[in-house]
């Protein structure tokens, strides 16, 4: 029989990735029964999934720009781009990719 985490779809790695402040906030709210935790967790999971989706979109756009501009992207660099979840960083890379002559310039080296 699946555990509560398995039924809700929250993996240990997702929970571990939450910031310490987010964990404390959620624990405090749960301790006070201040809200419907199932609804709040659903909203939180939706927001996390939406942010991952935006990051995925930025990564795809960045890789497309680099390929169209014939800038070689080694596997390690592609993995770095695909694994990045920092939207500001991805936005910076996309902006730089529009004019950069090399991958080093995209990464700010």
C-alpha atoms as a PDB file:
ATOM      1  CA  UNK A   1       0.000   0.000   0.000  1.00  0.00           C
ATOM      2  CA  UNK A   2       1.457   3.413  -0.930  1.00  0.00           C
ATOM      3  CA  UNK A   3       2.460   5.864   1.777  1.00  0.00           C
ATOM      4  CA  UNK A   4       0.854   9.307   2.053  1.00  0.00           C
ATOM      5  CA  UNK A   5       3.827  10.858   0.208  1.00  0.00           C
ATOM      6  CA  UNK A   6       3.487   8.330  -2.608  1.00  0.00           C
ATOM      7  CA  UNK A   7      -0.273   8.915  -2.916  1.00  0.00           C
ATOM      8  CA  UNK A   8       0.158  12.679  -3.041  1.00  0.00           C
ATOM      9  CA  UNK A   9       2.999  12.450  -5.525  1.00  0.00           C
ATOM     10  CA  UNK A  10       5.458  14.310  -3.283  1.00  0.00           C
ATOM     11  CA  UNK A  11       8.810  12.646  -3.430  1.00  0.00           C
ATOM     12  CA  UNK A  12      11.464  12.897  -0.758  1.00  0.00           C
ATOM     13  CA  UNK A  13      13.670  14.793  -3.204  1.00  0.00           C
ATOM     14  CA  UNK A  14      10.914  17.369  -3.850  1.00  0.00           C
ATOM     15  CA  UNK A  15      10.422  17.924  -0.133  1.00  0.00           C
ATOM     16  CA  UNK A  16      14.192  18.091   0.440  1.00  0.00           C
ATOM     17  CA  UNK A  17      14.456  20.770  -2.257  1.00  0.00           C
ATOM     18  CA  UNK A  18      12.105  23.131  -0.419  1.00  0.00           C
ATOM     19  CA  UNK A  19      13.842  26.025   1.220  1.00  0.00           C
ATOM     20  CA  UNK A  20      14.248  25.847   5.002  1.00  0.00           C
ATOM     21  CA  UNK A  21      11.961  28.876   5.347  1.00  0.00           C
ATOM     22  CA  UNK A  22       9.218  27.187   3.301  1.00  0.00           C
ATOM     23  CA  UNK A  23       9.505  24.068   5.461  1.00  0.00           C
ATOM     24  CA  UNK A  24       9.255  26.099   8.681  1.00  0.00           C
ATOM     25  CA  UNK A  25       6.288  28.050   7.340  1.00  0.00           C
ATOM     26  CA  UNK A  26       4.400  24.916   6.360  1.00  0.00           C
ATOM     27  CA  UNK A  27       5.220  23.160   9.641  1.00  0.00           C
ATOM     28  CA  UNK A  28       4.001  26.186  11.616  1.00  0.00           C
ATOM     29  CA  UNK A  29       0.746  26.361   9.683  1.00  0.00           C
ATOM     30  CA  UNK A  30       0.148  22.644  10.057  1.00  0.00           C
ATOM     31  CA  UNK A  31       0.853  22.812  13.793  1.00  0.00           C
ATOM     32  CA  UNK A  32      -1.789  25.530  14.199  1.00  0.00           C
ATOM     33  CA  UNK A  33      -4.313  23.886  11.866  1.00  0.00           C
ATOM     34  CA  UNK A  34      -4.462  27.344  10.314  1.00  0.00           C
ATOM     35  CA  UNK A  35      -5.675  26.162   6.936  1.00  0.00           C
ATOM     36  CA  UNK A  36      -6.808  23.232   4.863  1.00  0.00           C
ATOM     37  CA  UNK A  37      -3.425  21.567   4.411  1.00  0.00           C
ATOM     38  CA  UNK A  38      -4.558  19.419   1.486  1.00  0.00           C
ATOM     39  CA  UNK A  39      -5.596  22.484  -0.487  1.00  0.00           C
ATOM     40  CA  UNK A  40      -2.451  24.377   0.467  1.00  0.00           C
ATOM     41  CA  UNK A  41      -0.204  21.502  -0.478  1.00  0.00           C
ATOM     42  CA  UNK A  42      -2.026  21.158  -3.789  1.00  0.00           C
ATOM     43  CA  UNK A  43      -1.466  24.868  -4.466  1.00  0.00           C
ATOM     44  CA  UNK A  44       2.188  24.595  -3.438  1.00  0.00           C
ATOM     45  CA  UNK A  45       2.724  21.567  -5.656  1.00  0.00           C
ATOM     46  CA  UNK A  46       1.000  23.353  -8.544  1.00  0.00           C
ATOM     47  CA  UNK A  47       3.220  26.410  -8.078  1.00  0.00           C
ATOM     48  CA  UNK A  48       6.348  24.226  -7.941  1.00  0.00           C
ATOM     49  CA  UNK A  49       5.277  22.372 -11.075  1.00  0.00           C
ATOM     50  CA  UNK A  50       4.515  25.646 -12.858  1.00  0.00           C
ATOM     51  CA  UNK A  51       7.953  27.007 -11.991  1.00  0.00           C
ATOM     52  CA  UNK A  52       9.616  23.790 -13.189  1.00  0.00           C
ATOM     53  CA  UNK A  53       7.600  24.126 -16.407  1.00  0.00           C
ATOM     54  CA  UNK A  54       8.791  27.698 -16.919  1.00  0.00           C
ATOM     55  CA  UNK A  55      12.395  26.618 -16.305  1.00  0.00           C
ATOM     56  CA  UNK A  56      11.964  23.773 -18.790  1.00  0.00           C
ATOM     57  CA  UNK A  57      10.638  26.254 -21.360  1.00  0.00           C
ATOM     58  CA  UNK A  58      13.574  28.623 -20.838  1.00  0.00           C
ATOM     59  CA  UNK A  59      16.021  25.721 -21.167  1.00  0.00           C
ATOM     60  CA  UNK A  60      14.407  24.571 -24.422  1.00  0.00           C
ATOM     61  CA  UNK A  61      14.452  28.117 -25.792  1.00  0.00           C
ATOM     62  CA  UNK A  62      18.099  28.559 -24.846  1.00  0.00           C
ATOM     63  CA  UNK A  63      19.143  25.267 -26.447  1.00  0.00           C
ATOM     64  CA  UNK A  64      17.163  26.133 -29.590  1.00  0.00           C
ATOM     65  CA  UNK A  65      18.809  29.557 -29.872  1.00  0.00           C
ATOM     66  CA  UNK A  66      22.250  28.012 -29.446  1.00  0.00           C
ATOM     67  CA  UNK A  67      21.581  25.351 -32.081  1.00  0.00           C
ATOM     68  CA  UNK A  68      20.144  27.850 -34.584  1.00  0.00           C
ATOM     69  CA  UNK A  69      23.214  30.033 -34.069  1.00  0.00           C
ATOM     70  CA  UNK A  70      25.485  26.978 -34.603  1.00  0.00           C
ATOM     71  CA  UNK A  71      27.012  27.229 -31.138  1.00  0.00           C
ATOM     72  CA  UNK A  72      28.186  23.778 -30.060  1.00  0.00           C
ATOM     73  CA  UNK A  73      26.671  22.611 -26.760  1.00  0.00           C
ATOM     74  CA  UNK A  74      28.583  19.736 -25.110  1.00  0.00           C
ATOM     75  CA  UNK A  75      26.578  17.185 -23.120  1.00  0.00           C
ATOM     76  CA  UNK A  76      27.779  18.602 -19.785  1.00  0.00           C
ATOM     77  CA  UNK A  77      26.630  22.104 -20.752  1.00  0.00           C
ATOM     78  CA  UNK A  78      23.287  20.805 -22.005  1.00  0.00           C
ATOM     79  CA  UNK A  79      22.789  18.969 -18.706  1.00  0.00           C
ATOM     80  CA  UNK A  80      23.673  22.160 -16.792  1.00  0.00           C
ATOM     81  CA  UNK A  81      21.095  24.103 -18.795  1.00  0.00           C
ATOM     82  CA  UNK A  82      18.372  21.452 -18.481  1.00  0.00           C
ATOM     83  CA  UNK A  83      18.934  21.012 -14.730  1.00  0.00           C
ATOM     84  CA  UNK A  84      18.915  24.738 -13.951  1.00  0.00           C
ATOM     85  CA  UNK A  85      15.773  25.849 -12.105  1.00  0.00           C
ATOM     86  CA  UNK A  86      16.842  29.457 -11.470  1.00  0.00           C
ATOM     87  CA  UNK A  87      14.579  31.463 -13.789  1.00  0.00           C
ATOM     88  CA  UNK A  88      16.699  34.612 -13.511  1.00  0.00           C
ATOM     89  CA  UNK A  89      19.822  32.685 -14.506  1.00  0.00           C
ATOM     90  CA  UNK A  90      18.054  31.043 -17.429  1.00  0.00           C
ATOM     91  CA  UNK A  91      16.697  34.420 -18.552  1.00  0.00           C
ATOM     92  CA  UNK A  92      20.222  35.871 -18.439  1.00  0.00           C
ATOM     93  CA  UNK A  93      21.579  32.976 -20.503  1.00  0.00           C
ATOM     94  CA  UNK A  94      18.789  33.341 -23.095  1.00  0.00           C
ATOM     95  CA  UNK A  95      19.476  37.076 -23.382  1.00  0.00           C
ATOM     96  CA  UNK A  96      23.216  36.475 -23.812  1.00  0.00           C
ATOM     97  CA  UNK A  97      22.636  33.640 -26.306  1.00  0.00           C
ATOM     98  CA  UNK A  98      20.973  36.079 -28.680  1.00  0.00           C
ATOM     99  CA  UNK A  99      24.307  37.805 -29.374  1.00  0.00           C
ATOM    100  CA  UNK A 100      27.045  35.585 -27.933  1.00  0.00           C
ATOM    101  CA  UNK A 101      29.683  34.145 -30.240  1.00  0.00           C
ATOM    102  CA  UNK A 102      30.441  31.212 -27.926  1.00  0.00           C
ATOM    103  CA  UNK A 103      28.971  29.150 -25.122  1.00  0.00           C
ATOM    104  CA  UNK A 104      31.532  30.660 -22.758  1.00  0.00           C
ATOM    105  CA  UNK A 105      30.024  34.102 -23.423  1.00  0.00           C
ATOM    106  CA  UNK A 106      26.545  32.730 -22.694  1.00  0.00           C
ATOM    107  CA  UNK A 107      27.739  31.407 -19.348  1.00  0.00           C
ATOM    108  CA  UNK A 108      29.516  34.715 -18.650  1.00  0.00           C
ATOM    109  CA  UNK A 109      33.086  33.444 -18.839  1.00  0.00           C
END
